[in-house]
């Protein structure tokens, strides 16, 4: 993780403050009660007046030399800007619904083709559920016989 110079400076200042506070607290036990109370009140006052860190937000899209981009913050966006930012999500949702409808239609037409093939075949539909017929198909018999019409026995 890379830190900015300001962030590193803040970390060093915090460490220094903790070291000073620990040394002052170590000698605090030897002080009289009234002096320790004045020090406690001064600490409370100092803590209430210290700077509060604030979150920084990016305000623009910037490209650096390394090829990375930083997105801008949401401050000051107009109605059109918000609509334009929601447009890709809406397009994605519409695309997903369209894909689902097309796949359902394709699946229904595939099932209809299989049903038509089974019902117009020379074999009755009950033959497909017979375990012996399944074994017959695995062995390799019936592929040419089922497709060719029965031979007529005319003399």
N, C-alpha and C. Protein backbone atom coordinates (compact mmCIF):
# COMPACT_ATOMS: atom_id res chain seq x y z
N UNK A 1 0.85 -1.16 0.00
CA UNK A 1 0.00 0.00 0.00
C UNK A 1 0.90 1.23 0.00
N UNK A 2 0.60 2.16 -0.85
CA UNK A 2 1.43 3.36 -0.91
C UNK A 2 0.70 4.51 -0.21
N UNK A 3 1.45 5.26 0.56
CA UNK A 3 0.89 6.39 1.29
C UNK A 3 1.43 7.68 0.70
N UNK A 4 0.63 8.72 0.81
CA UNK A 4 1.09 10.03 0.37
C UNK A 4 2.00 10.62 1.44
N UNK A 5 2.70 11.66 1.09
CA UNK A 5 3.61 12.31 2.04
C UNK A 5 2.84 12.87 3.23
N UNK A 6 1.67 13.44 2.99
CA UNK A 6 0.86 13.99 4.08
C UNK A 6 0.43 12.88 5.04
N UNK A 7 0.06 11.74 4.49
CA UNK A 7 -0.37 10.62 5.33
C UNK A 7 0.79 10.10 6.19
N UNK A 8 1.98 10.02 5.61
CA UNK A 8 3.15 9.58 6.37
C UNK A 8 3.47 10.58 7.49
N UNK A 9 3.34 11.87 7.18
CA UNK A 9 3.59 12.89 8.20
C UNK A 9 2.59 12.77 9.34
N UNK A 10 1.32 12.51 9.01
CA UNK A 10 0.30 12.34 10.05
C UNK A 10 0.61 11.13 10.93
N UNK A 11 1.08 10.07 10.34
CA UNK A 11 1.42 8.87 11.11
C UNK A 11 2.58 9.16 12.06
N UNK A 12 3.60 9.86 11.57
CA UNK A 12 4.73 10.19 12.42
C UNK A 12 4.33 11.11 13.57
N UNK A 13 3.46 12.08 13.30
CA UNK A 13 2.98 12.98 14.36
C UNK A 13 2.18 12.21 15.41
N UNK A 14 1.37 11.25 14.98
CA UNK A 14 0.60 10.45 15.93
C UNK A 14 1.52 9.61 16.81
N UNK A 15 2.56 9.03 16.23
CA UNK A 15 3.51 8.24 17.01
C UNK A 15 4.23 9.10 18.05
N UNK A 16 4.66 10.30 17.64
CA UNK A 16 5.34 11.21 18.55
C UNK A 16 4.43 11.60 19.71
N UNK A 17 3.17 11.88 19.37
CA UNK A 17 2.20 12.25 20.41
C UNK A 17 1.98 11.12 21.41
N UNK A 18 1.92 9.88 20.91
CA UNK A 18 1.74 8.74 21.82
C UNK A 18 2.95 8.55 22.73
N UNK A 19 4.16 8.77 22.20
CA UNK A 19 5.37 8.63 23.03
C UNK A 19 5.40 9.69 24.13
N UNK A 20 5.09 10.95 23.76
CA UNK A 20 5.07 12.03 24.75
C UNK A 20 4.01 11.75 25.81
N UNK A 21 2.83 11.30 25.40
CA UNK A 21 1.75 11.03 26.34
C UNK A 21 2.13 9.90 27.29
N UNK A 22 2.82 8.88 26.79
CA UNK A 22 3.20 7.78 27.68
C UNK A 22 4.24 8.21 28.70
N UNK A 23 5.17 9.07 28.31
CA UNK A 23 6.17 9.55 29.27
C UNK A 23 5.54 10.47 30.30
N UNK A 24 4.62 11.31 29.88
CA UNK A 24 3.94 12.19 30.83
C UNK A 24 3.07 11.38 31.79
N UNK A 25 2.41 10.35 31.28
CA UNK A 25 1.56 9.53 32.12
C UNK A 25 2.38 8.72 33.13
N UNK A 26 3.61 8.35 32.76
CA UNK A 26 4.46 7.59 33.68
C UNK A 26 4.81 8.42 34.91
N UNK A 27 5.01 9.71 34.76
CA UNK A 27 5.36 10.59 35.88
C UNK A 27 4.12 11.15 36.57
N UNK A 28 2.94 10.83 36.10
CA UNK A 28 1.69 11.37 36.63
C UNK A 28 1.38 10.85 38.03
N UNK A 29 1.86 9.71 38.41
CA UNK A 29 1.54 9.11 39.70
C UNK A 29 2.17 9.89 40.87
N UNK A 30 3.24 10.60 40.61
CA UNK A 30 3.94 11.31 41.68
C UNK A 30 3.37 12.72 41.94
N UNK A 31 2.47 13.19 41.10
CA UNK A 31 1.93 14.55 41.23
C UNK A 31 0.80 14.61 42.25
N UNK A 32 0.61 15.80 42.86
CA UNK A 32 -0.53 15.97 43.77
C UNK A 32 -1.84 15.92 43.01
N UNK A 33 -2.93 15.72 43.74
CA UNK A 33 -4.25 15.56 43.14
C UNK A 33 -4.68 16.79 42.35
N UNK A 34 -4.51 17.99 42.87
CA UNK A 34 -4.97 19.19 42.19
C UNK A 34 -4.21 19.42 40.88
N UNK A 35 -2.92 19.11 40.85
CA UNK A 35 -2.14 19.27 39.61
C UNK A 35 -2.59 18.24 38.58
N UNK A 36 -2.83 17.02 39.00
CA UNK A 36 -3.26 15.99 38.04
C UNK A 36 -4.65 16.32 37.48
N UNK A 37 -5.52 16.92 38.29
CA UNK A 37 -6.84 17.32 37.79
C UNK A 37 -6.73 18.45 36.78
N UNK A 38 -5.85 19.42 37.02
CA UNK A 38 -5.65 20.50 36.03
C UNK A 38 -5.08 19.93 34.73
N UNK A 39 -4.17 18.97 34.84
CA UNK A 39 -3.62 18.33 33.62
C UNK A 39 -4.70 17.56 32.86
N UNK A 40 -5.56 16.87 33.61
CA UNK A 40 -6.64 16.13 32.95
C UNK A 40 -7.58 17.08 32.22
N UNK A 41 -7.91 18.22 32.83
CA UNK A 41 -8.77 19.22 32.19
C UNK A 41 -8.08 19.82 30.96
N UNK A 42 -6.77 20.04 31.05
CA UNK A 42 -6.04 20.58 29.89
C UNK A 42 -6.02 19.56 28.75
N UNK A 43 -5.87 18.28 29.08
CA UNK A 43 -5.91 17.23 28.04
C UNK A 43 -7.27 17.20 27.37
N UNK A 44 -8.33 17.29 28.16
CA UNK A 44 -9.68 17.28 27.59
C UNK A 44 -9.87 18.45 26.64
N UNK A 45 -9.39 19.61 27.03
CA UNK A 45 -9.51 20.80 26.20
C UNK A 45 -8.69 20.66 24.92
N UNK A 46 -7.50 20.11 25.02
CA UNK A 46 -6.65 19.92 23.84
C UNK A 46 -7.28 18.92 22.86
N UNK A 47 -7.86 17.86 23.39
CA UNK A 47 -8.50 16.87 22.53
C UNK A 47 -9.72 17.44 21.83
N UNK A 48 -10.46 18.32 22.52
CA UNK A 48 -11.65 18.89 21.89
C UNK A 48 -11.29 19.89 20.78
N UNK A 49 -10.08 20.47 20.83
CA UNK A 49 -9.70 21.47 19.84
C UNK A 49 -8.85 20.90 18.70
N UNK A 50 -8.51 19.62 18.76
CA UNK A 50 -7.65 19.08 17.69
C UNK A 50 -8.44 18.95 16.39
N UNK A 51 -7.70 18.91 15.30
CA UNK A 51 -8.32 18.82 13.98
C UNK A 51 -8.90 17.43 13.78
N UNK A 52 -10.10 17.40 13.25
CA UNK A 52 -10.72 16.13 12.94
C UNK A 52 -10.36 15.75 11.50
N UNK A 53 -9.91 14.53 11.28
CA UNK A 53 -9.60 14.14 9.90
C UNK A 53 -10.89 14.04 9.09
N UNK A 54 -10.85 14.48 7.86
CA UNK A 54 -12.03 14.41 7.03
C UNK A 54 -11.73 13.54 5.81
N UNK A 55 -12.74 12.89 5.35
CA UNK A 55 -12.58 11.99 4.21
C UNK A 55 -12.40 12.81 2.94
N UNK A 56 -11.47 12.40 2.12
CA UNK A 56 -11.25 13.08 0.86
C UNK A 56 -11.90 12.27 -0.25
N UNK A 57 -12.60 12.97 -1.14
CA UNK A 57 -13.23 12.32 -2.27
C UNK A 57 -12.64 12.84 -3.55
N UNK A 58 -12.60 11.99 -4.53
CA UNK A 58 -12.10 12.41 -5.84
C UNK A 58 -13.18 13.26 -6.50
N UNK A 59 -12.76 14.29 -7.23
CA UNK A 59 -13.74 15.17 -7.85
C UNK A 59 -13.69 15.12 -9.36
N UNK A 60 -12.80 14.36 -9.94
CA UNK A 60 -12.72 14.29 -11.40
C UNK A 60 -12.11 12.96 -11.80
N UNK A 61 -12.30 12.61 -13.06
CA UNK A 61 -11.67 11.42 -13.59
C UNK A 61 -10.31 11.84 -14.12
N UNK A 62 -9.28 11.23 -13.58
CA UNK A 62 -7.93 11.59 -14.00
C UNK A 62 -7.18 10.35 -14.41
N UNK A 63 -6.39 10.48 -15.44
CA UNK A 63 -5.56 9.36 -15.89
C UNK A 63 -4.12 9.70 -15.55
N UNK A 64 -3.46 8.75 -14.91
CA UNK A 64 -2.07 8.96 -14.56
C UNK A 64 -1.19 8.29 -15.60
N UNK A 65 0.09 8.49 -15.50
CA UNK A 65 1.02 7.91 -16.46
C UNK A 65 1.05 6.40 -16.41
N UNK A 66 0.67 5.81 -15.28
CA UNK A 66 0.70 4.37 -15.13
C UNK A 66 -0.50 3.67 -15.76
N UNK A 67 -1.44 4.41 -16.28
CA UNK A 67 -2.59 3.81 -16.94
C UNK A 67 -3.75 3.52 -15.99
N UNK A 68 -3.81 4.15 -14.84
CA UNK A 68 -4.92 3.94 -13.93
C UNK A 68 -5.85 5.13 -13.96
N UNK A 69 -7.11 4.90 -13.61
CA UNK A 69 -8.11 5.95 -13.61
C UNK A 69 -8.72 6.08 -12.22
N UNK A 70 -9.06 7.29 -11.86
CA UNK A 70 -9.76 7.54 -10.60
C UNK A 70 -11.10 8.17 -10.94
N UNK A 71 -12.19 7.59 -10.45
CA UNK A 71 -13.51 8.11 -10.74
C UNK A 71 -13.81 9.33 -9.89
N UNK A 72 -14.61 10.21 -10.44
CA UNK A 72 -14.96 11.43 -9.73
C UNK A 72 -15.99 11.20 -8.65
N UNK A 73 -16.10 12.17 -7.77
CA UNK A 73 -17.07 12.09 -6.69
C UNK A 73 -18.46 12.42 -7.18
N UNK A 74 -19.45 12.23 -6.33
CA UNK A 74 -20.83 12.44 -6.71
C UNK A 74 -21.33 13.84 -6.43
N UNK A 75 -20.48 14.78 -6.15
CA UNK A 75 -20.92 16.12 -5.80
C UNK A 75 -21.28 16.90 -7.05
N UNK A 76 -22.42 17.55 -7.03
CA UNK A 76 -22.82 18.44 -8.10
C UNK A 76 -23.29 17.75 -9.36
N UNK A 77 -23.76 16.53 -9.26
CA UNK A 77 -24.25 15.85 -10.45
C UNK A 77 -25.64 16.37 -10.78
N UNK A 78 -25.87 16.62 -12.04
CA UNK A 78 -27.20 17.07 -12.46
C UNK A 78 -28.09 15.84 -12.67
N UNK A 79 -29.34 16.11 -12.99
CA UNK A 79 -30.29 15.02 -13.24
C UNK A 79 -29.84 14.19 -14.43
N UNK A 80 -29.36 14.85 -15.47
CA UNK A 80 -28.92 14.12 -16.67
C UNK A 80 -27.68 13.28 -16.38
N UNK A 81 -26.82 13.79 -15.53
CA UNK A 81 -25.64 13.01 -15.17
C UNK A 81 -26.00 11.76 -14.40
N UNK A 82 -26.96 11.86 -13.51
CA UNK A 82 -27.40 10.69 -12.76
C UNK A 82 -28.10 9.68 -13.65
N UNK A 83 -28.93 10.18 -14.58
CA UNK A 83 -29.58 9.27 -15.52
C UNK A 83 -28.57 8.57 -16.42
N UNK A 84 -27.57 9.32 -16.85
CA UNK A 84 -26.55 8.72 -17.71
C UNK A 84 -25.73 7.68 -16.96
N UNK A 85 -25.54 7.86 -15.67
CA UNK A 85 -24.79 6.87 -14.91
C UNK A 85 -25.62 5.62 -14.64
N UNK A 86 -26.95 5.74 -14.62
CA UNK A 86 -27.82 4.58 -14.41
C UNK A 86 -28.12 3.85 -15.71
N UNK A 87 -27.84 4.46 -16.85
CA UNK A 87 -28.16 3.87 -18.14
C UNK A 87 -27.47 2.52 -18.37
N UNK A 88 -26.19 2.33 -18.04
CA UNK A 88 -25.59 1.01 -18.25
C UNK A 88 -26.24 -0.10 -17.42
N UNK A 89 -26.70 0.21 -16.23
CA UNK A 89 -27.36 -0.80 -15.40
C UNK A 89 -28.70 -1.19 -16.03
N UNK A 90 -29.43 -0.21 -16.53
CA UNK A 90 -30.71 -0.48 -17.17
C UNK A 90 -30.49 -1.30 -18.44
N UNK A 91 -29.47 -0.94 -19.22
CA UNK A 91 -29.17 -1.69 -20.44
C UNK A 91 -28.79 -3.14 -20.12
N UNK A 92 -28.05 -3.33 -19.06
CA UNK A 92 -27.68 -4.69 -18.65
C UNK A 92 -28.91 -5.49 -18.25
N UNK A 93 -29.82 -4.89 -17.50
CA UNK A 93 -31.03 -5.59 -17.08
C UNK A 93 -31.90 -5.95 -18.28
N UNK A 94 -32.06 -5.03 -19.22
CA UNK A 94 -32.86 -5.29 -20.42
C UNK A 94 -32.21 -6.41 -21.24
N UNK A 95 -30.89 -6.39 -21.37
CA UNK A 95 -30.18 -7.44 -22.10
C UNK A 95 -30.35 -8.80 -21.45
N UNK A 96 -30.30 -8.85 -20.12
CA UNK A 96 -30.47 -10.12 -19.42
C UNK A 96 -31.88 -10.68 -19.63
N UNK A 97 -32.89 -9.81 -19.59
CA UNK A 97 -34.27 -10.25 -19.81
C UNK A 97 -34.43 -10.74 -21.25
N UNK A 98 -33.85 -10.04 -22.21
CA UNK A 98 -33.95 -10.45 -23.61
C UNK A 98 -33.29 -11.80 -23.83
N UNK A 99 -32.13 -12.02 -23.23
CA UNK A 99 -31.44 -13.31 -23.36
C UNK A 99 -32.30 -14.42 -22.78
N UNK A 100 -32.93 -14.19 -21.64
CA UNK A 100 -33.77 -15.20 -20.99
C UNK A 100 -34.95 -15.55 -21.88
N UNK A 101 -35.60 -14.55 -22.49
CA UNK A 101 -36.75 -14.81 -23.35
C UNK A 101 -36.33 -15.60 -24.58
N UNK A 102 -35.21 -15.23 -25.19
CA UNK A 102 -34.73 -15.93 -26.38
C UNK A 102 -34.37 -17.37 -26.05
N UNK A 103 -33.70 -17.59 -24.92
CA UNK A 103 -33.35 -18.97 -24.54
C UNK A 103 -34.59 -19.81 -24.26
N UNK A 104 -35.60 -19.22 -23.63
CA UNK A 104 -36.84 -19.96 -23.39
C UNK A 104 -37.52 -20.34 -24.70
N UNK A 105 -37.55 -19.41 -25.66
CA UNK A 105 -38.14 -19.72 -26.96
C UNK A 105 -37.37 -20.81 -27.69
N UNK A 106 -36.03 -20.73 -27.65
CA UNK A 106 -35.22 -21.76 -28.31
C UNK A 106 -35.44 -23.13 -27.67
N UNK A 107 -35.52 -23.16 -26.35
CA UNK A 107 -35.73 -24.44 -25.63
C UNK A 107 -37.10 -25.01 -25.98
N UNK A 108 -38.12 -24.16 -26.06
CA UNK A 108 -39.47 -24.63 -26.40
C UNK A 108 -39.51 -25.19 -27.82
N UNK A 109 -38.84 -24.54 -28.76
CA UNK A 109 -38.84 -25.04 -30.13
C UNK A 109 -38.04 -26.34 -30.24
N UNK A 110 -36.96 -26.49 -29.47
CA UNK A 110 -36.21 -27.75 -29.47
C UNK A 110 -37.07 -28.89 -28.94
N UNK A 111 -37.79 -28.63 -27.84
CA UNK A 111 -38.66 -29.66 -27.29
C UNK A 111 -39.80 -30.01 -28.25
N UNK A 112 -40.31 -29.03 -28.96
CA UNK A 112 -41.37 -29.28 -29.94
C UNK A 112 -40.84 -30.14 -31.08
N UNK A 113 -39.61 -29.90 -31.53
CA UNK A 113 -39.03 -30.71 -32.59
C UNK A 113 -38.85 -32.16 -32.14
N UNK A 114 -38.41 -32.36 -30.91
CA UNK A 114 -38.26 -33.72 -30.39
C UNK A 114 -39.62 -34.40 -30.29
N UNK A 115 -40.63 -33.69 -29.80
CA UNK A 115 -41.97 -34.27 -29.70
C UNK A 115 -42.51 -34.65 -31.07
N UNK A 116 -42.32 -33.80 -32.06
CA UNK A 116 -42.79 -34.10 -33.41
C UNK A 116 -42.06 -35.31 -33.96
N UNK A 117 -40.75 -35.41 -33.72
CA UNK A 117 -39.98 -36.56 -34.21
C UNK A 117 -40.45 -37.85 -33.56
N UNK A 118 -40.75 -37.80 -32.26
CA UNK A 118 -41.20 -39.01 -31.56
C UNK A 118 -42.60 -39.42 -32.04
N UNK A 119 -43.49 -38.46 -32.20
CA UNK A 119 -44.86 -38.78 -32.57
C UNK A 119 -45.01 -39.19 -34.02
N UNK A 120 -44.15 -38.75 -34.90
CA UNK A 120 -44.26 -39.10 -36.32
C UNK A 120 -43.37 -40.28 -36.68
N UNK A 121 -42.69 -40.88 -35.72
CA UNK A 121 -41.80 -42.01 -35.97
C UNK A 121 -42.63 -43.28 -36.17
N UNK A 122 -41.99 -44.32 -36.73
CA UNK A 122 -42.65 -45.59 -36.93
C UNK A 122 -42.88 -46.32 -35.62
N UNK A 123 -42.07 -46.03 -34.62
CA UNK A 123 -42.21 -46.69 -33.33
C UNK A 123 -43.24 -45.98 -32.47
N UNK A 124 -43.93 -46.72 -31.62
CA UNK A 124 -44.85 -46.06 -30.68
C UNK A 124 -44.04 -45.39 -29.57
N UNK A 125 -44.55 -44.33 -28.95
CA UNK A 125 -43.81 -43.62 -27.88
C UNK A 125 -43.47 -44.52 -26.70
N UNK A 126 -44.25 -45.59 -26.44
CA UNK A 126 -43.95 -46.48 -25.33
C UNK A 126 -42.65 -47.26 -25.54
N UNK A 127 -42.21 -47.40 -26.77
CA UNK A 127 -40.97 -48.14 -27.05
C UNK A 127 -39.76 -47.41 -26.49
N UNK A 128 -39.83 -46.09 -26.42
CA UNK A 128 -38.68 -45.32 -25.91
C UNK A 128 -38.50 -45.50 -24.41
N UNK A 129 -39.54 -45.87 -23.68
CA UNK A 129 -39.42 -46.08 -22.24
C UNK A 129 -39.08 -47.52 -21.88
N UNK A 130 -39.07 -48.41 -22.84
CA UNK A 130 -38.75 -49.81 -22.59
C UNK A 130 -37.25 -49.97 -22.39
N UNK A 131 -36.79 -50.58 -21.25
CA UNK A 131 -35.35 -50.74 -21.02
C UNK A 131 -34.69 -51.64 -22.06
N UNK A 132 -35.41 -52.59 -22.60
CA UNK A 132 -34.84 -53.46 -23.63
C UNK A 132 -34.56 -52.71 -24.92
N UNK A 133 -35.42 -51.74 -25.25
CA UNK A 133 -35.20 -50.94 -26.46
C UNK A 133 -33.97 -50.05 -26.31
N UNK A 134 -33.75 -49.52 -25.10
CA UNK A 134 -32.57 -48.70 -24.84
C UNK A 134 -31.31 -49.54 -25.02
N UNK A 135 -31.34 -50.79 -24.53
CA UNK A 135 -30.19 -51.68 -24.70
C UNK A 135 -30.00 -52.01 -26.18
N UNK A 136 -31.08 -52.17 -26.90
CA UNK A 136 -31.03 -52.46 -28.32
C UNK A 136 -30.36 -51.30 -29.09
N UNK A 137 -30.67 -50.06 -28.68
CA UNK A 137 -30.06 -48.91 -29.34
C UNK A 137 -28.59 -48.79 -28.99
N UNK A 138 -28.20 -49.15 -27.77
CA UNK A 138 -26.79 -49.07 -27.37
C UNK A 138 -25.94 -50.06 -28.12
N UNK A 139 -26.46 -51.22 -28.38
CA UNK A 139 -25.71 -52.25 -29.10
C UNK A 139 -25.47 -51.80 -30.53
N UNK A 140 -26.33 -50.99 -31.06
CA UNK A 140 -26.14 -50.46 -32.41
C UNK A 140 -27.16 -50.96 -33.38
N UNK A 141 -28.05 -51.73 -32.94
CA UNK A 141 -29.10 -52.21 -33.83
C UNK A 141 -30.21 -51.21 -33.93
N UNK A 142 -30.93 -51.26 -35.01
CA UNK A 142 -32.12 -50.45 -35.13
C UNK A 142 -31.91 -49.11 -35.78
N UNK A 143 -30.68 -48.62 -35.96
CA UNK A 143 -30.50 -47.30 -36.55
C UNK A 143 -30.91 -47.30 -38.01
N UNK A 144 -30.55 -48.33 -38.75
CA UNK A 144 -30.92 -48.40 -40.16
C UNK A 144 -32.31 -48.99 -40.31
N UNK A 145 -32.68 -49.91 -39.41
CA UNK A 145 -33.97 -50.57 -39.51
C UNK A 145 -35.11 -49.63 -39.16
N UNK A 146 -34.89 -48.77 -38.16
CA UNK A 146 -35.97 -47.88 -37.74
C UNK A 146 -36.22 -46.79 -38.76
N UNK A 147 -35.21 -46.41 -39.52
CA UNK A 147 -35.37 -45.34 -40.50
C UNK A 147 -35.91 -45.83 -41.83
N UNK A 148 -35.62 -47.08 -42.20
CA UNK A 148 -36.07 -47.59 -43.49
C UNK A 148 -37.46 -48.19 -43.35
N UNK A 149 -38.30 -48.02 -44.35
CA UNK A 149 -39.64 -48.61 -44.28
C UNK A 149 -39.55 -50.14 -44.39
N UNK A 150 -40.51 -50.84 -43.85
CA UNK A 150 -40.47 -52.31 -43.94
C UNK A 150 -40.55 -52.78 -45.39
N UNK A 151 -39.85 -53.84 -45.68
CA UNK A 151 -39.81 -54.36 -47.05
C UNK A 151 -41.11 -55.08 -47.35
N UNK A 152 -41.58 -54.88 -48.54
CA UNK A 152 -42.83 -55.55 -48.93
C UNK A 152 -42.51 -56.94 -49.47
N UNK A 153 -43.35 -57.88 -49.22
CA UNK A 153 -43.12 -59.26 -49.66
C UNK A 153 -44.05 -59.60 -50.82
N UNK A 154 -43.80 -59.00 -51.93
CA UNK A 154 -44.64 -59.28 -53.12
C UNK A 154 -43.89 -60.23 -54.01
N UNK A 155 -44.61 -61.26 -54.54
CA UNK A 155 -43.99 -62.23 -55.44
C UNK A 155 -44.60 -62.18 -56.78
